Amino acid sequence: MRYLLFILSIVLSVIGLSFIIIYLNLLVMGFSFIDYLKYILSKIECLIFFVGYILLIILIKKGTILWLMYMILY
């Protein structure tokens, strides 16, 4: 179950970050940076990045998946 949550948090983070990067085109179209931040914070597909990131931090802080991170990185 913990591994499934770990994978889910990574998938949510990647999807959300992809949309945040895609919406960077709004800056080219004349949005100010504050307007851009307001816009991405109002979109659910961008907010799932924060949900996935927080879930990932919680799982890593528990220490249950630290060995998995060690195996991936080394």
N, C-alpha and C. Protein backbone atom coordinates (compact mmCIF):
# COMPACT_ATOMS: atom_id res chain seq x y z
N MET A 1 0.82 -1.20 0.00
CA MET A 1 0.00 0.00 0.00
C MET A 1 0.87 1.26 0.00
N ARG A 2 1.96 1.20 0.77
CA ARG A 2 2.82 2.39 0.84
C ARG A 2 3.51 2.64 -0.49
N TYR A 3 3.86 1.57 -1.19
CA TYR A 3 4.51 1.74 -2.49
C TYR A 3 3.54 2.32 -3.51
N LEU A 4 2.29 1.90 -3.40
CA LEU A 4 1.27 2.45 -4.29
C LEU A 4 1.08 3.94 -4.05
N LEU A 5 1.07 4.35 -2.78
CA LEU A 5 0.95 5.77 -2.45
C LEU A 5 2.18 6.55 -2.94
N PHE A 6 3.34 5.92 -2.83
CA PHE A 6 4.57 6.56 -3.29
C PHE A 6 4.51 6.80 -4.80
N ILE A 7 4.11 5.79 -5.54
CA ILE A 7 4.00 5.92 -7.00
C ILE A 7 2.91 6.92 -7.37
N LEU A 8 1.79 6.88 -6.65
CA LEU A 8 0.70 7.82 -6.91
C LEU A 8 1.14 9.26 -6.67
N SER A 9 1.91 9.48 -5.61
CA SER A 9 2.36 10.85 -5.33
C SER A 9 3.31 11.35 -6.41
N ILE A 10 4.15 10.47 -6.93
CA ILE A 10 5.06 10.88 -8.00
C ILE A 10 4.28 11.19 -9.28
N VAL A 11 3.28 10.35 -9.59
CA VAL A 11 2.47 10.58 -10.79
C VAL A 11 1.70 11.90 -10.68
N LEU A 12 1.11 12.16 -9.52
CA LEU A 12 0.37 13.41 -9.33
C LEU A 12 1.29 14.62 -9.46
N SER A 13 2.48 14.51 -8.90
CA SER A 13 3.43 15.62 -8.98
C SER A 13 3.86 15.88 -10.42
N VAL A 14 4.10 14.83 -11.17
CA VAL A 14 4.54 14.99 -12.56
C VAL A 14 3.44 15.59 -13.41
N ILE A 15 2.21 15.11 -13.24
CA ILE A 15 1.09 15.64 -14.02
C ILE A 15 0.86 17.11 -13.69
N GLY A 16 0.83 17.43 -12.40
CA GLY A 16 0.60 18.82 -12.00
C GLY A 16 1.70 19.75 -12.47
N LEU A 17 2.95 19.31 -12.37
CA LEU A 17 4.07 20.14 -12.80
C LEU A 17 4.06 20.32 -14.31
N SER A 18 3.62 19.31 -15.03
CA SER A 18 3.50 19.44 -16.49
C SER A 18 2.52 20.55 -16.86
N PHE A 19 1.39 20.60 -16.18
CA PHE A 19 0.42 21.65 -16.46
C PHE A 19 0.95 23.03 -16.06
N ILE A 20 1.67 23.09 -14.96
CA ILE A 20 2.25 24.37 -14.55
C ILE A 20 3.24 24.87 -15.60
N ILE A 21 4.04 23.97 -16.15
CA ILE A 21 4.99 24.35 -17.20
C ILE A 21 4.26 24.75 -18.47
N ILE A 22 3.20 24.02 -18.81
CA ILE A 22 2.42 24.36 -20.01
C ILE A 22 1.81 25.75 -19.87
N TYR A 23 1.32 26.06 -18.69
CA TYR A 23 0.69 27.36 -18.48
C TYR A 23 1.69 28.50 -18.42
N LEU A 24 3.00 28.22 -18.47
CA LEU A 24 3.99 29.29 -18.54
C LEU A 24 3.83 30.12 -19.81
N ASN A 25 3.17 29.56 -20.81
CA ASN A 25 2.91 30.31 -22.04
C ASN A 25 2.04 31.54 -21.79
N LEU A 26 1.32 31.55 -20.68
CA LEU A 26 0.50 32.72 -20.36
C LEU A 26 1.36 33.96 -20.12
N LEU A 27 2.58 33.75 -19.65
CA LEU A 27 3.48 34.89 -19.43
C LEU A 27 3.86 35.53 -20.76
N VAL A 28 3.99 34.72 -21.79
CA VAL A 28 4.32 35.24 -23.12
C VAL A 28 3.14 36.02 -23.69
N MET A 29 1.93 35.59 -23.32
CA MET A 29 0.73 36.24 -23.85
C MET A 29 0.39 37.54 -23.12
N GLY A 30 1.18 37.93 -22.12
CA GLY A 30 0.98 39.23 -21.50
C GLY A 30 0.51 39.19 -20.06
N PHE A 31 0.35 38.01 -19.48
CA PHE A 31 -0.03 37.94 -18.07
C PHE A 31 1.15 38.38 -17.22
N SER A 32 0.87 39.05 -16.12
CA SER A 32 1.94 39.34 -15.16
C SER A 32 2.20 38.08 -14.34
N PHE A 33 3.29 38.08 -13.60
CA PHE A 33 3.62 36.89 -12.81
C PHE A 33 2.59 36.67 -11.72
N ILE A 34 2.06 37.75 -11.13
CA ILE A 34 1.03 37.62 -10.10
C ILE A 34 -0.24 37.04 -10.70
N ASP A 35 -0.62 37.50 -11.89
CA ASP A 35 -1.80 36.93 -12.56
C ASP A 35 -1.59 35.46 -12.88
N TYR A 36 -0.37 35.12 -13.28
CA TYR A 36 -0.04 33.72 -13.57
C TYR A 36 -0.20 32.87 -12.32
N LEU A 37 0.32 33.34 -11.18
CA LEU A 37 0.19 32.59 -9.93
C LEU A 37 -1.27 32.43 -9.53
N LYS A 38 -2.04 33.49 -9.67
CA LYS A 38 -3.48 33.41 -9.35
C LYS A 38 -4.17 32.39 -10.25
N TYR A 39 -3.78 32.37 -11.51
CA TYR A 39 -4.41 31.47 -12.46
C TYR A 39 -4.09 30.01 -12.15
N ILE A 40 -2.81 29.70 -11.90
CA ILE A 40 -2.48 28.30 -11.65
C ILE A 40 -3.00 27.83 -10.30
N LEU A 41 -3.15 28.73 -9.35
CA LEU A 41 -3.71 28.34 -8.06
C LEU A 41 -5.22 28.16 -8.12
N SER A 42 -5.84 28.59 -9.20
CA SER A 42 -7.28 28.39 -9.35
C SER A 42 -7.61 27.15 -10.19
N LYS A 43 -6.61 26.53 -10.78
CA LYS A 43 -6.83 25.36 -11.63
C LYS A 43 -6.55 24.07 -10.86
N ILE A 44 -7.50 23.15 -10.91
CA ILE A 44 -7.37 21.90 -10.16
C ILE A 44 -6.22 21.05 -10.68
N GLU A 45 -5.97 21.09 -11.99
CA GLU A 45 -4.89 20.27 -12.54
C GLU A 45 -3.52 20.75 -12.09
N CYS A 46 -3.41 22.00 -11.68
CA CYS A 46 -2.14 22.50 -11.15
C CYS A 46 -2.03 22.24 -9.65
N LEU A 47 -3.16 22.21 -8.98
CA LEU A 47 -3.14 21.97 -7.54
C LEU A 47 -2.79 20.53 -7.19
N ILE A 48 -2.99 19.61 -8.13
CA ILE A 48 -2.62 18.23 -7.82
C ILE A 48 -1.11 18.07 -7.69
N PHE A 49 -0.34 19.01 -8.23
CA PHE A 49 1.11 18.98 -8.01
C PHE A 49 1.41 19.14 -6.52
N PHE A 50 0.75 20.08 -5.88
CA PHE A 50 0.99 20.33 -4.46
C PHE A 50 0.51 19.16 -3.61
N VAL A 51 -0.61 18.56 -4.00
CA VAL A 51 -1.12 17.39 -3.27
C VAL A 51 -0.11 16.24 -3.37
N GLY A 52 0.37 15.97 -4.58
CA GLY A 52 1.35 14.91 -4.76
C GLY A 52 2.66 15.19 -4.05
N TYR A 53 3.09 16.43 -4.06
CA TYR A 53 4.35 16.80 -3.41
C TYR A 53 4.24 16.65 -1.89
N ILE A 54 3.12 17.10 -1.33
CA ILE A 54 2.93 16.98 0.13
C ILE A 54 2.83 15.51 0.53
N LEU A 55 2.12 14.72 -0.27
CA LEU A 55 2.03 13.29 0.01
C LEU A 55 3.40 12.63 -0.06
N LEU A 56 4.21 13.04 -1.01
CA LEU A 56 5.57 12.50 -1.15
C LEU A 56 6.42 12.87 0.06
N ILE A 57 6.32 14.09 0.52
CA ILE A 57 7.08 14.51 1.70
C ILE A 57 6.65 13.72 2.93
N ILE A 58 5.36 13.53 3.09
CA ILE A 58 4.86 12.77 4.25
C ILE A 58 5.37 11.34 4.21
N LEU A 59 5.33 10.72 3.04
CA LEU A 59 5.80 9.34 2.94
C LEU A 59 7.29 9.22 3.20
N ILE A 60 8.07 10.18 2.73
CA ILE A 60 9.51 10.13 2.95
C ILE A 60 9.85 10.43 4.41
N LYS A 61 9.13 11.37 5.02
CA LYS A 61 9.39 11.71 6.42
C LYS A 61 9.10 10.55 7.35
N LYS A 62 8.15 9.69 6.97
CA LYS A 62 7.85 8.53 7.80
C LYS A 62 9.03 7.57 7.85
N GLY A 63 9.88 7.63 6.86
CA GLY A 63 11.05 6.79 6.84
C GLY A 63 10.82 5.41 6.28
N THR A 64 9.63 5.15 5.79
CA THR A 64 9.33 3.81 5.30
C THR A 64 9.85 3.58 3.90
N ILE A 65 10.10 4.65 3.17
CA ILE A 65 10.50 4.49 1.78
C ILE A 65 11.91 5.04 1.56
N LEU A 66 12.60 5.36 2.61
CA LEU A 66 13.95 5.91 2.44
C LEU A 66 14.88 4.92 1.75
N TRP A 67 14.74 3.64 2.07
CA TRP A 67 15.61 2.66 1.43
C TRP A 67 15.30 2.56 -0.06
N LEU A 68 14.04 2.76 -0.46
CA LEU A 68 13.69 2.73 -1.87
C LEU A 68 14.34 3.92 -2.59
N MET A 69 14.30 5.09 -1.97
CA MET A 69 14.95 6.26 -2.56
C MET A 69 16.45 6.01 -2.67
N TYR A 70 17.02 5.36 -1.68
CA TYR A 70 18.44 5.06 -1.71
C TYR A 70 18.76 4.12 -2.88
N MET A 71 17.90 3.13 -3.09
CA MET A 71 18.12 2.16 -4.17
C MET A 71 17.98 2.82 -5.54
N ILE A 72 17.06 3.79 -5.66
CA ILE A 72 16.86 4.47 -6.94
C ILE A 72 18.03 5.39 -7.25
N LEU A 73 18.50 6.12 -6.25
CA LEU A 73 19.53 7.12 -6.48
C LEU A 73 20.94 6.54 -6.56
N TYR A 74 21.18 5.36 -5.97
CA TYR A 74 22.54 4.83 -5.95
C TYR A 74 22.61 3.50 -6.61
